N, C-alpha and C. Protein backbone atom coordinates (compact mmCIF):
# COMPACT_ATOMS: atom_id res chain seq x y z
N UNK A 1 0.84 -1.19 0.00
CA UNK A 1 0.00 0.00 0.00
C UNK A 1 0.88 1.25 0.00
N UNK A 2 0.83 2.06 -1.05
CA UNK A 2 1.67 3.24 -1.18
C UNK A 2 0.95 4.52 -0.74
N UNK A 3 -0.26 4.41 -0.20
CA UNK A 3 -0.99 5.58 0.27
C UNK A 3 -0.23 6.22 1.42
N UNK A 4 0.03 7.56 1.36
CA UNK A 4 0.77 8.22 2.45
C UNK A 4 0.04 8.10 3.77
N UNK A 5 0.80 7.74 4.83
CA UNK A 5 0.23 7.70 6.18
C UNK A 5 0.46 9.03 6.89
N UNK A 6 1.58 9.68 6.60
CA UNK A 6 1.84 11.00 7.15
C UNK A 6 2.43 11.87 6.04
N UNK A 7 2.01 13.13 6.03
CA UNK A 7 2.50 14.03 4.98
C UNK A 7 2.57 15.45 5.52
N UNK A 8 3.38 16.25 4.83
CA UNK A 8 3.55 17.65 5.19
C UNK A 8 3.21 18.48 3.97
N UNK A 9 2.34 19.48 4.18
CA UNK A 9 1.94 20.37 3.09
C UNK A 9 2.35 21.80 3.40
N UNK A 10 2.66 22.55 2.36
CA UNK A 10 3.05 23.95 2.48
C UNK A 10 2.24 24.73 1.46
N UNK A 11 1.39 25.64 1.95
CA UNK A 11 0.54 26.40 1.04
C UNK A 11 -0.39 25.53 0.22
N UNK A 12 -0.85 24.43 0.83
CA UNK A 12 -1.78 23.55 0.15
C UNK A 12 -1.11 22.54 -0.77
N UNK A 13 0.22 22.64 -0.92
CA UNK A 13 0.96 21.72 -1.79
C UNK A 13 1.77 20.72 -0.96
N UNK A 14 1.62 19.45 -1.24
CA UNK A 14 2.36 18.41 -0.50
C UNK A 14 3.85 18.50 -0.81
N UNK A 15 4.67 18.62 0.24
CA UNK A 15 6.12 18.73 0.02
C UNK A 15 6.87 17.49 0.48
N UNK A 16 6.23 16.66 1.32
CA UNK A 16 6.89 15.45 1.79
C UNK A 16 5.84 14.48 2.30
N UNK A 17 6.11 13.17 2.12
CA UNK A 17 5.16 12.15 2.59
C UNK A 17 5.87 10.82 2.76
N UNK A 18 5.35 10.01 3.67
CA UNK A 18 5.86 8.66 3.86
C UNK A 18 4.68 7.70 3.95
N UNK A 19 4.97 6.40 3.78
CA UNK A 19 3.97 5.36 4.00
C UNK A 19 4.05 4.92 5.45
N UNK A 20 4.23 3.65 5.70
CA UNK A 20 4.32 3.16 7.08
C UNK A 20 5.64 3.60 7.70
N UNK A 21 5.57 3.98 8.94
CA UNK A 21 6.78 4.43 9.62
C UNK A 21 6.44 5.27 10.83
N UNK A 22 7.33 6.20 11.15
CA UNK A 22 7.11 7.06 12.31
C UNK A 22 7.26 8.52 11.92
N UNK A 23 6.46 9.36 12.58
CA UNK A 23 6.56 10.81 12.40
C UNK A 23 7.22 11.38 13.65
N UNK A 24 8.33 12.07 13.46
CA UNK A 24 9.09 12.64 14.57
C UNK A 24 8.86 14.14 14.61
N UNK A 25 8.28 14.62 15.73
CA UNK A 25 8.16 16.06 15.97
C UNK A 25 9.30 16.43 16.90
N UNK A 26 10.26 17.20 16.40
CA UNK A 26 11.49 17.47 17.14
C UNK A 26 11.49 18.87 17.73
N UNK A 27 11.51 18.94 19.07
CA UNK A 27 11.62 20.21 19.77
C UNK A 27 13.05 20.38 20.27
N UNK A 28 13.73 21.42 19.81
CA UNK A 28 15.14 21.63 20.15
C UNK A 28 15.24 22.70 21.23
N UNK A 29 15.91 22.36 22.33
CA UNK A 29 16.02 23.31 23.44
C UNK A 29 17.35 24.06 23.39
N UNK A 30 17.42 25.11 24.17
CA UNK A 30 18.65 25.93 24.26
C UNK A 30 19.85 25.12 24.70
N UNK A 31 19.62 24.09 25.52
CA UNK A 31 20.73 23.34 26.13
C UNK A 31 21.18 22.15 25.28
N UNK A 32 20.50 21.86 24.19
CA UNK A 32 20.83 20.68 23.40
C UNK A 32 22.20 20.81 22.73
N UNK A 33 22.94 19.69 22.74
CA UNK A 33 24.27 19.63 22.14
C UNK A 33 24.36 18.39 21.25
N UNK A 34 25.54 18.17 20.69
CA UNK A 34 25.77 16.99 19.85
C UNK A 34 25.48 15.70 20.61
N UNK A 35 25.75 15.72 21.91
CA UNK A 35 25.51 14.53 22.74
C UNK A 35 24.03 14.18 22.77
N UNK A 36 23.17 15.19 22.96
CA UNK A 36 21.72 14.96 22.96
C UNK A 36 21.25 14.51 21.58
N UNK A 37 21.81 15.12 20.55
CA UNK A 37 21.44 14.77 19.18
C UNK A 37 21.70 13.28 18.92
N UNK A 38 22.88 12.81 19.26
CA UNK A 38 23.24 11.41 19.03
C UNK A 38 22.35 10.47 19.83
N UNK A 39 22.03 10.86 21.05
CA UNK A 39 21.15 10.04 21.90
C UNK A 39 19.78 9.89 21.25
N UNK A 40 19.22 10.99 20.76
CA UNK A 40 17.88 10.96 20.18
C UNK A 40 17.85 10.16 18.88
N UNK A 41 18.88 10.26 18.08
CA UNK A 41 18.96 9.48 16.83
C UNK A 41 18.93 7.99 17.14
N UNK A 42 19.74 7.57 18.13
CA UNK A 42 19.76 6.15 18.53
C UNK A 42 18.40 5.69 19.02
N UNK A 43 17.79 6.50 19.88
CA UNK A 43 16.50 6.12 20.46
C UNK A 43 15.41 6.01 19.39
N UNK A 44 15.34 6.98 18.52
CA UNK A 44 14.29 7.00 17.49
C UNK A 44 14.40 5.79 16.58
N UNK A 45 15.59 5.48 16.15
CA UNK A 45 15.77 4.38 15.20
C UNK A 45 15.64 3.00 15.85
N UNK A 46 15.87 2.92 17.15
CA UNK A 46 15.84 1.61 17.81
C UNK A 46 14.62 1.38 18.70
N UNK A 47 13.75 2.37 18.79
CA UNK A 47 12.55 2.25 19.61
C UNK A 47 11.64 1.16 19.05
N UNK A 48 11.28 0.20 19.90
CA UNK A 48 10.46 -0.94 19.43
C UNK A 48 8.98 -0.63 19.60
N UNK A 49 8.36 -0.20 18.51
CA UNK A 49 6.94 0.17 18.56
C UNK A 49 6.09 -0.62 17.57
N UNK A 50 6.73 -1.51 16.79
CA UNK A 50 5.99 -2.25 15.76
C UNK A 50 5.89 -3.73 16.11
N UNK A 51 4.92 -4.38 15.48
CA UNK A 51 4.74 -5.81 15.67
C UNK A 51 5.80 -6.60 14.90
N UNK A 52 6.10 -7.81 15.40
CA UNK A 52 6.95 -8.69 14.62
C UNK A 52 6.09 -9.55 13.69
N UNK A 53 6.72 -10.48 12.99
CA UNK A 53 6.01 -11.30 12.00
C UNK A 53 4.94 -12.18 12.64
N UNK A 54 5.09 -12.49 13.92
CA UNK A 54 4.12 -13.32 14.62
C UNK A 54 3.01 -12.53 15.28
N UNK A 55 3.01 -11.21 15.08
CA UNK A 55 1.97 -10.37 15.66
C UNK A 55 2.25 -9.92 17.08
N UNK A 56 3.48 -10.18 17.58
CA UNK A 56 3.83 -9.76 18.94
C UNK A 56 4.08 -8.25 18.96
N UNK A 57 3.40 -7.55 19.88
CA UNK A 57 3.52 -6.09 19.96
C UNK A 57 4.84 -5.65 20.58
N UNK A 58 5.24 -4.42 20.29
CA UNK A 58 6.42 -3.78 20.88
C UNK A 58 7.67 -4.63 20.66
N UNK A 59 7.85 -5.12 19.46
CA UNK A 59 8.94 -6.06 19.19
C UNK A 59 9.95 -5.56 18.16
N UNK A 60 9.54 -4.68 17.25
CA UNK A 60 10.41 -4.29 16.14
C UNK A 60 10.55 -2.77 16.05
N UNK A 61 11.74 -2.35 15.63
CA UNK A 61 12.00 -0.92 15.43
C UNK A 61 11.71 -0.53 13.99
N UNK A 62 11.77 0.76 13.72
CA UNK A 62 11.55 1.24 12.34
C UNK A 62 12.64 0.69 11.41
N UNK A 63 13.85 0.52 11.93
CA UNK A 63 14.93 -0.06 11.12
C UNK A 63 14.70 -1.54 10.86
N UNK A 64 14.22 -2.25 11.89
CA UNK A 64 13.93 -3.68 11.71
C UNK A 64 12.92 -3.90 10.59
N UNK A 65 11.93 -3.01 10.53
CA UNK A 65 10.84 -3.15 9.55
C UNK A 65 11.16 -2.48 8.22
N UNK A 66 12.27 -1.72 8.19
CA UNK A 66 12.64 -0.97 6.99
C UNK A 66 11.54 0.01 6.58
N UNK A 67 10.95 0.65 7.60
CA UNK A 67 9.92 1.66 7.38
C UNK A 67 10.58 3.03 7.24
N UNK A 68 9.74 4.03 6.96
CA UNK A 68 10.23 5.39 6.74
C UNK A 68 10.11 6.25 8.00
N UNK A 69 10.83 7.39 7.98
CA UNK A 69 10.79 8.35 9.08
C UNK A 69 10.53 9.73 8.50
N UNK A 70 9.51 10.39 9.02
CA UNK A 70 9.21 11.77 8.61
C UNK A 70 9.52 12.68 9.79
N UNK A 71 10.41 13.65 9.60
CA UNK A 71 10.83 14.56 10.67
C UNK A 71 10.26 15.96 10.44
N UNK A 72 9.77 16.56 11.51
CA UNK A 72 9.24 17.93 11.45
C UNK A 72 9.79 18.70 12.65
N UNK A 73 10.45 19.82 12.38
CA UNK A 73 10.94 20.67 13.47
C UNK A 73 9.75 21.33 14.15
N UNK A 74 9.72 21.25 15.50
CA UNK A 74 8.53 21.68 16.23
C UNK A 74 8.94 22.42 17.50
N UNK A 75 9.26 23.73 17.36
CA UNK A 75 9.73 24.50 18.52
C UNK A 75 8.67 24.62 19.61
N UNK A 76 7.38 24.47 19.25
CA UNK A 76 6.32 24.63 20.25
C UNK A 76 6.35 23.54 21.32
N UNK A 77 7.10 22.46 21.08
CA UNK A 77 7.24 21.42 22.10
C UNK A 77 8.04 21.94 23.31
N UNK A 78 8.75 23.04 23.13
CA UNK A 78 9.51 23.64 24.23
C UNK A 78 8.69 24.68 24.99
N UNK A 79 7.39 24.67 24.78
CA UNK A 79 6.50 25.66 25.39
C UNK A 79 6.43 25.52 26.92
N UNK A 80 6.44 26.67 27.58
CA UNK A 80 6.05 26.74 28.99
C UNK A 80 4.92 27.78 29.05
N UNK A 81 4.02 27.61 29.99
CA UNK A 81 2.88 28.52 30.07
C UNK A 81 3.11 29.60 31.11
N UNK A 82 2.84 30.86 30.73
CA UNK A 82 2.81 31.98 31.66
C UNK A 82 1.35 32.37 31.77
N UNK A 83 0.69 31.79 32.76
CA UNK A 83 -0.76 31.92 32.82
C UNK A 83 -1.34 31.07 31.71
N UNK A 84 -2.04 31.70 30.80
CA UNK A 84 -2.60 30.99 29.65
C UNK A 84 -1.85 31.29 28.36
N UNK A 85 -0.75 32.03 28.46
CA UNK A 85 -0.01 32.42 27.26
C UNK A 85 1.21 31.53 27.07
N UNK A 86 1.35 30.90 25.88
CA UNK A 86 2.54 30.08 25.62
C UNK A 86 3.80 30.94 25.55
N UNK A 87 4.87 30.43 26.13
CA UNK A 87 6.17 31.12 26.10
C UNK A 87 7.21 30.13 25.58
N UNK A 88 8.06 30.58 24.68
CA UNK A 88 8.99 29.66 24.00
C UNK A 88 10.46 30.03 24.25
N UNK A 89 10.74 30.66 25.39
CA UNK A 89 12.13 31.09 25.63
C UNK A 89 13.09 29.92 25.82
N UNK A 90 12.58 28.71 26.11
CA UNK A 90 13.46 27.55 26.27
C UNK A 90 13.86 26.94 24.93
N UNK A 91 13.18 27.34 23.86
CA UNK A 91 13.51 26.80 22.53
C UNK A 91 14.78 27.45 22.00
N UNK A 92 15.58 26.68 21.28
CA UNK A 92 16.78 27.22 20.66
C UNK A 92 16.37 28.22 19.58
N UNK A 93 17.02 29.40 19.52
CA UNK A 93 16.68 30.39 18.49
C UNK A 93 16.83 29.78 17.09
N UNK A 94 15.97 30.21 16.17
CA UNK A 94 15.89 29.57 14.85
C UNK A 94 17.20 29.60 14.08
N UNK A 95 18.00 30.66 14.23
CA UNK A 95 19.27 30.74 13.49
C UNK A 95 20.24 29.64 13.92
N UNK A 96 20.17 29.21 15.19
CA UNK A 96 21.00 28.11 15.66
C UNK A 96 20.30 26.77 15.43
N UNK A 97 18.99 26.76 15.66
CA UNK A 97 18.22 25.51 15.59
C UNK A 97 18.22 24.91 14.19
N UNK A 98 18.26 25.74 13.15
CA UNK A 98 18.23 25.20 11.79
C UNK A 98 19.45 24.32 11.52
N UNK A 99 20.62 24.78 11.95
CA UNK A 99 21.84 23.98 11.79
C UNK A 99 21.77 22.70 12.59
N UNK A 100 21.22 22.79 13.82
CA UNK A 100 21.07 21.61 14.68
C UNK A 100 20.12 20.61 14.03
N UNK A 101 19.01 21.10 13.49
CA UNK A 101 18.01 20.24 12.85
C UNK A 101 18.61 19.54 11.64
N UNK A 102 19.37 20.27 10.84
CA UNK A 102 20.00 19.66 9.66
C UNK A 102 21.02 18.60 10.05
N UNK A 103 21.74 18.84 11.16
CA UNK A 103 22.68 17.84 11.67
C UNK A 103 21.94 16.59 12.13
N UNK A 104 20.79 16.80 12.75
CA UNK A 104 19.94 15.70 13.21
C UNK A 104 19.53 14.82 12.01
N UNK A 105 19.06 15.47 10.94
CA UNK A 105 18.67 14.73 9.73
C UNK A 105 19.86 13.97 9.13
N UNK A 106 20.99 14.63 9.12
CA UNK A 106 22.20 14.01 8.56
C UNK A 106 22.60 12.77 9.36
N UNK A 107 22.52 12.87 10.68
CA UNK A 107 22.86 11.72 11.54
C UNK A 107 21.87 10.57 11.34
N UNK A 108 20.58 10.90 11.19
CA UNK A 108 19.58 9.87 10.92
C UNK A 108 19.89 9.15 9.62
N UNK A 109 20.23 9.91 8.60
CA UNK A 109 20.50 9.32 7.28
C UNK A 109 21.76 8.45 7.29
N UNK A 110 22.76 8.88 8.05
CA UNK A 110 23.99 8.09 8.17
C UNK A 110 23.74 6.79 8.91
N UNK A 111 22.91 6.86 9.96
CA UNK A 111 22.66 5.69 10.81
C UNK A 111 21.67 4.72 10.18
N UNK A 112 20.89 5.18 9.21
CA UNK A 112 19.84 4.35 8.61
C UNK A 112 20.02 4.33 7.10
N UNK A 113 18.94 4.56 6.36
CA UNK A 113 19.00 4.64 4.90
C UNK A 113 18.51 6.02 4.48
N UNK A 114 19.35 6.80 3.80
CA UNK A 114 19.01 8.19 3.48
C UNK A 114 17.68 8.36 2.77
N UNK A 115 17.37 7.43 1.87
CA UNK A 115 16.14 7.56 1.08
C UNK A 115 14.87 7.34 1.91
N UNK A 116 15.03 6.80 3.13
CA UNK A 116 13.87 6.55 3.98
C UNK A 116 13.65 7.65 5.02
N UNK A 117 14.50 8.67 5.02
CA UNK A 117 14.36 9.80 5.94
C UNK A 117 13.81 11.00 5.17
N UNK A 118 12.63 11.46 5.56
CA UNK A 118 12.00 12.61 4.89
C UNK A 118 11.81 13.72 5.92
N UNK A 119 11.63 14.95 5.42
CA UNK A 119 11.41 16.06 6.34
C UNK A 119 10.55 17.14 5.70
N UNK A 120 10.12 18.09 6.53
CA UNK A 120 9.33 19.21 6.05
C UNK A 120 10.25 20.35 5.64
N UNK A 121 9.81 21.57 5.88
CA UNK A 121 10.62 22.76 5.57
C UNK A 121 10.83 23.53 6.86
N UNK A 122 12.08 23.66 7.27
CA UNK A 122 12.38 24.28 8.56
C UNK A 122 11.84 25.71 8.61
N UNK A 123 11.14 26.01 9.71
CA UNK A 123 10.67 27.37 9.97
C UNK A 123 9.44 27.79 9.19
N UNK A 124 8.95 26.92 8.31
CA UNK A 124 7.80 27.29 7.48
C UNK A 124 6.49 27.01 8.23
N UNK A 125 5.44 27.71 7.82
CA UNK A 125 4.10 27.46 8.35
C UNK A 125 3.52 26.29 7.56
N UNK A 126 3.53 25.10 8.17
CA UNK A 126 3.16 23.87 7.46
C UNK A 126 1.88 23.28 8.02
N UNK A 127 1.28 22.41 7.22
CA UNK A 127 0.18 21.58 7.69
C UNK A 127 0.72 20.15 7.75
N UNK A 128 0.70 19.57 8.94
CA UNK A 128 1.23 18.22 9.14
C UNK A 128 0.06 17.27 9.32
N UNK A 129 -0.04 16.29 8.44
CA UNK A 129 -1.12 15.31 8.48
C UNK A 129 -0.55 13.99 9.00
N UNK A 130 -1.01 13.56 10.16
CA UNK A 130 -0.49 12.34 10.77
C UNK A 130 -1.61 11.32 10.92
N UNK A 131 -1.42 10.16 10.34
CA UNK A 131 -2.35 9.05 10.57
C UNK A 131 -1.75 8.20 11.68
N UNK A 132 -2.24 8.42 12.89
CA UNK A 132 -1.65 7.78 14.07
C UNK A 132 -2.28 6.42 14.29
N UNK A 133 -1.55 5.38 13.96
CA UNK A 133 -2.05 4.01 14.02
C UNK A 133 -1.98 3.50 15.45
N UNK A 134 -3.12 3.13 15.99
CA UNK A 134 -3.13 2.61 17.37
C UNK A 134 -4.13 3.29 18.26
N UNK A 135 -4.01 4.60 18.56
CA UNK A 135 -2.86 5.45 18.24
C UNK A 135 -1.72 5.24 19.23
N UNK A 136 -0.50 5.47 18.75
CA UNK A 136 0.69 5.35 19.60
C UNK A 136 1.48 6.64 19.50
N UNK A 137 1.62 7.33 20.62
CA UNK A 137 2.43 8.55 20.68
C UNK A 137 3.37 8.42 21.87
N UNK A 138 4.68 8.49 21.61
CA UNK A 138 5.67 8.30 22.67
C UNK A 138 6.56 9.53 22.77
N UNK A 139 6.70 10.04 24.00
CA UNK A 139 7.56 11.20 24.22
C UNK A 139 8.97 10.72 24.59
N UNK A 140 9.94 11.17 23.84
CA UNK A 140 11.34 10.83 24.11
C UNK A 140 12.07 12.08 24.59
N UNK A 141 12.83 11.93 25.68
CA UNK A 141 13.62 13.04 26.20
C UNK A 141 15.09 12.63 26.23
N UNK A 142 15.96 13.56 25.90
CA UNK A 142 17.39 13.29 26.06
C UNK A 142 17.72 13.35 27.54
N UNK A 143 18.83 12.70 27.96
CA UNK A 143 19.18 12.69 29.39
C UNK A 143 19.39 14.10 29.91
N UNK A 144 19.01 14.33 31.15
CA UNK A 144 19.21 15.65 31.76
C UNK A 144 20.69 15.94 31.85
N UNK A 145 21.11 17.22 31.67
CA UNK A 145 22.53 17.57 31.78
C UNK A 145 23.11 17.10 33.11
N UNK A 146 24.26 16.43 33.05
CA UNK A 146 24.91 15.95 34.26
C UNK A 146 24.44 14.60 34.74
N UNK A 147 23.42 14.02 34.08
CA UNK A 147 22.94 12.69 34.49
C UNK A 147 24.01 11.66 34.16
N UNK A 148 24.28 10.75 35.10
CA UNK A 148 25.33 9.75 34.90
C UNK A 148 24.90 8.70 33.89
N UNK A 149 23.59 8.47 33.81
CA UNK A 149 23.11 7.41 32.92
C UNK A 149 21.67 7.67 32.56
N UNK A 150 21.24 7.11 31.43
CA UNK A 150 19.84 7.24 31.03
C UNK A 150 19.05 5.98 31.35
N UNK A 151 19.71 5.00 31.97
CA UNK A 151 19.05 3.76 32.35
C UNK A 151 18.15 4.01 33.56
N UNK A 152 16.82 3.83 33.41
CA UNK A 152 15.91 4.11 34.53
C UNK A 152 16.26 3.36 35.80
N UNK A 153 16.73 2.10 35.68
CA UNK A 153 17.09 1.33 36.88
C UNK A 153 18.26 1.97 37.60
N UNK A 154 19.26 2.39 36.82
CA UNK A 154 20.42 3.03 37.41
C UNK A 154 20.05 4.36 38.04
N UNK A 155 19.19 5.13 37.35
CA UNK A 155 18.75 6.40 37.89
C UNK A 155 18.00 6.20 39.20
N UNK A 156 17.18 5.14 39.26
CA UNK A 156 16.44 4.84 40.47
C UNK A 156 17.39 4.54 41.62
N UNK A 157 18.46 3.79 41.34
CA UNK A 157 19.46 3.49 42.36
C UNK A 157 20.12 4.76 42.88
N UNK A 158 20.46 5.66 41.93
CA UNK A 158 21.10 6.91 42.31
C UNK A 158 20.17 7.75 43.19
N UNK A 159 18.88 7.77 42.84
CA UNK A 159 17.91 8.52 43.63
C UNK A 159 17.81 7.96 45.04
N UNK A 160 17.79 6.61 45.15
CA UNK A 160 17.70 5.98 46.48
C UNK A 160 18.94 6.29 47.32
N UNK A 161 20.10 6.26 46.65
CA UNK A 161 21.34 6.58 47.37
C UNK A 161 21.31 8.01 47.90
N UNK A 162 20.80 8.92 47.04
CA UNK A 162 20.71 10.31 47.45
C UNK A 162 19.75 10.47 48.62
N UNK A 163 18.63 9.74 48.58
CA UNK A 163 17.66 9.80 49.67
C UNK A 163 18.27 9.31 50.97
N UNK A 164 19.08 8.22 50.88
CA UNK A 164 19.73 7.70 52.09
C UNK A 164 20.68 8.75 52.68
N UNK A 165 21.42 9.41 51.79
CA UNK A 165 22.36 10.44 52.25
C UNK A 165 21.61 11.56 52.97
N UNK A 166 20.48 11.95 52.37
CA UNK A 166 19.69 13.02 52.98
C UNK A 166 19.14 12.61 54.34
N UNK A 167 18.69 11.34 54.45
CA UNK A 167 18.18 10.84 55.72
C UNK A 167 19.29 10.83 56.77
N UNK A 168 20.49 10.40 56.36
CA UNK A 168 21.63 10.35 57.27
C UNK A 168 21.97 11.74 57.76
N UNK A 169 21.96 12.72 56.83
CA UNK A 169 22.25 14.09 57.23
C UNK A 169 21.18 14.60 58.20
N UNK A 170 19.94 14.21 57.96
CA UNK A 170 18.84 14.66 58.81
C UNK A 170 18.94 14.06 60.21
N UNK A 171 19.46 12.82 60.30
CA UNK A 171 19.57 12.15 61.60
C UNK A 171 20.59 12.83 62.48
N UNK A 172 21.70 13.29 61.91
CA UNK A 172 22.77 13.89 62.69
C UNK A 172 22.29 14.99 63.59
N UNK A 173 21.72 16.06 63.05
CA UNK A 173 21.24 17.16 63.89
C UNK A 173 20.14 16.74 64.84
N UNK A 174 19.23 15.82 64.42
CA UNK A 174 18.12 15.43 65.28
C UNK A 174 18.61 14.68 66.50
N UNK A 175 19.65 13.84 66.31
CA UNK A 175 20.19 13.10 67.46
C UNK A 175 20.87 14.04 68.44
N UNK A 176 21.63 14.98 67.90
CA UNK A 176 22.32 15.91 68.79
C UNK A 176 21.33 16.81 69.50
N UNK A 177 20.19 17.11 68.82
CA UNK A 177 19.19 17.95 69.46
C UNK A 177 18.51 17.20 70.60
N UNK A 178 18.42 15.85 70.50
CA UNK A 178 17.84 15.06 71.59
C UNK A 178 18.68 15.21 72.84
N UNK A 179 19.99 15.24 72.63
CA UNK A 179 20.88 15.37 73.79
C UNK A 179 20.67 16.71 74.48
N UNK A 180 20.27 17.71 73.67
CA UNK A 180 20.07 19.05 74.24
C UNK A 180 18.60 19.30 74.59
N UNK A 181 17.77 18.26 74.48
CA UNK A 181 16.34 18.46 74.67
C UNK A 181 15.93 18.50 76.14
N UNK A 182 16.87 18.21 77.08
CA UNK A 182 16.55 18.28 78.52
C UNK A 182 17.49 19.27 79.18
N UNK A 183 17.33 20.55 78.87
CA UNK A 183 18.23 21.57 79.43
C UNK A 183 17.98 21.76 80.92
N UNK A 184 18.97 22.36 81.64
CA UNK A 184 18.79 22.71 83.05
C UNK A 184 17.78 23.83 83.16
N UNK A 185 17.25 24.03 84.37
CA UNK A 185 16.20 25.03 84.57
C UNK A 185 16.64 26.40 84.11
N UNK A 186 17.89 26.74 84.40
CA UNK A 186 18.36 28.06 84.00
C UNK A 186 18.41 28.19 82.48
N UNK A 187 18.66 27.04 81.76
CA UNK A 187 18.68 27.07 80.30
C UNK A 187 17.30 27.36 79.76
N UNK A 188 16.26 26.76 80.42
CA UNK A 188 14.90 26.97 79.95
C UNK A 188 14.51 28.44 80.06
N UNK A 189 14.88 29.05 81.19
CA UNK A 189 14.53 30.45 81.38
C UNK A 189 15.27 31.32 80.38
N UNK A 190 16.51 30.97 80.09
CA UNK A 190 17.28 31.73 79.11
C UNK A 190 16.62 31.61 77.75
N UNK A 191 16.15 30.39 77.45
CA UNK A 191 15.51 30.15 76.15
C UNK A 191 14.24 30.97 76.02
N UNK A 192 13.41 30.96 77.09
CA UNK A 192 12.16 31.70 77.01
C UNK A 192 12.43 33.19 76.92
N UNK A 193 13.52 33.63 77.56
CA UNK A 193 13.88 35.04 77.46
C UNK A 193 14.25 35.40 76.04
N UNK A 194 14.98 34.50 75.40
CA UNK A 194 15.41 34.76 74.03
C UNK A 194 14.20 34.85 73.12
N UNK A 195 13.23 33.95 73.37
CA UNK A 195 12.03 33.97 72.55
C UNK A 195 11.28 35.28 72.74
N UNK A 196 11.27 35.75 74.00
CA UNK A 196 10.61 37.02 74.27
C UNK A 196 11.26 38.15 73.51
N UNK A 197 12.60 38.12 73.46
CA UNK A 197 13.33 39.17 72.74
C UNK A 197 12.95 39.17 71.28
N UNK A 198 12.88 37.95 70.68
CA UNK A 198 12.59 37.84 69.26
C UNK A 198 11.21 38.39 68.96
N UNK A 199 10.22 38.00 69.83
CA UNK A 199 8.85 38.44 69.57
C UNK A 199 8.74 39.95 69.72
N UNK A 200 9.48 40.51 70.64
CA UNK A 200 9.39 41.96 70.83
C UNK A 200 10.00 42.71 69.66
N UNK A 201 11.03 42.11 69.04
CA UNK A 201 11.66 42.73 67.88
C UNK A 201 10.71 42.80 66.72
N UNK A 202 9.80 41.81 66.59
CA UNK A 202 8.87 41.76 65.46
C UNK A 202 7.75 42.77 65.59
N UNK A 203 7.50 43.24 66.86
CA UNK A 203 6.42 44.19 67.04
C UNK A 203 6.83 45.55 66.51
N UNK A 204 5.93 46.25 65.89
CA UNK A 204 6.28 47.58 65.34
C UNK A 204 6.60 48.58 66.43
């Protein structure tokens, strides 16, 4: 079946289309580097979202199936809301983002088959037609800057270790405060006096 499943039109004229495959909406942030680019290329091409020959779900990647990839630059994915108004200050400025986007396409073509990678027109006002089969929509994020690993299990371990450290730090002061929790009578009066001083300072 050669009927387009996803296509991009510009001014009512179709400029790009693919059959079976995946449509990638790429939001480029200010912090993205070559490292993030390479990570996303690997993930997109190896993500298992298709059935295998036996009908088993989540078994094959776009490369396994030799399907096509349609890429569309989408700065609005970097949107943050200020009240009800969209704000795009986290998106990479278009003069930088265009080079990044072209590098992304180049890396995809090198890692896969160039003739199977299609794209729209960077920065243009386009109409994107997506036939979402399933539907299946998956959000992919590059690793956070400074993250040691993108493996969820490893990240979970790191988070638990950090939590233990925080608990240990919290225990230290609480234990020492227990030792000071039974002051002598003169200490109590000194304490209440100090509190009185503080409250009087707050009064106008």
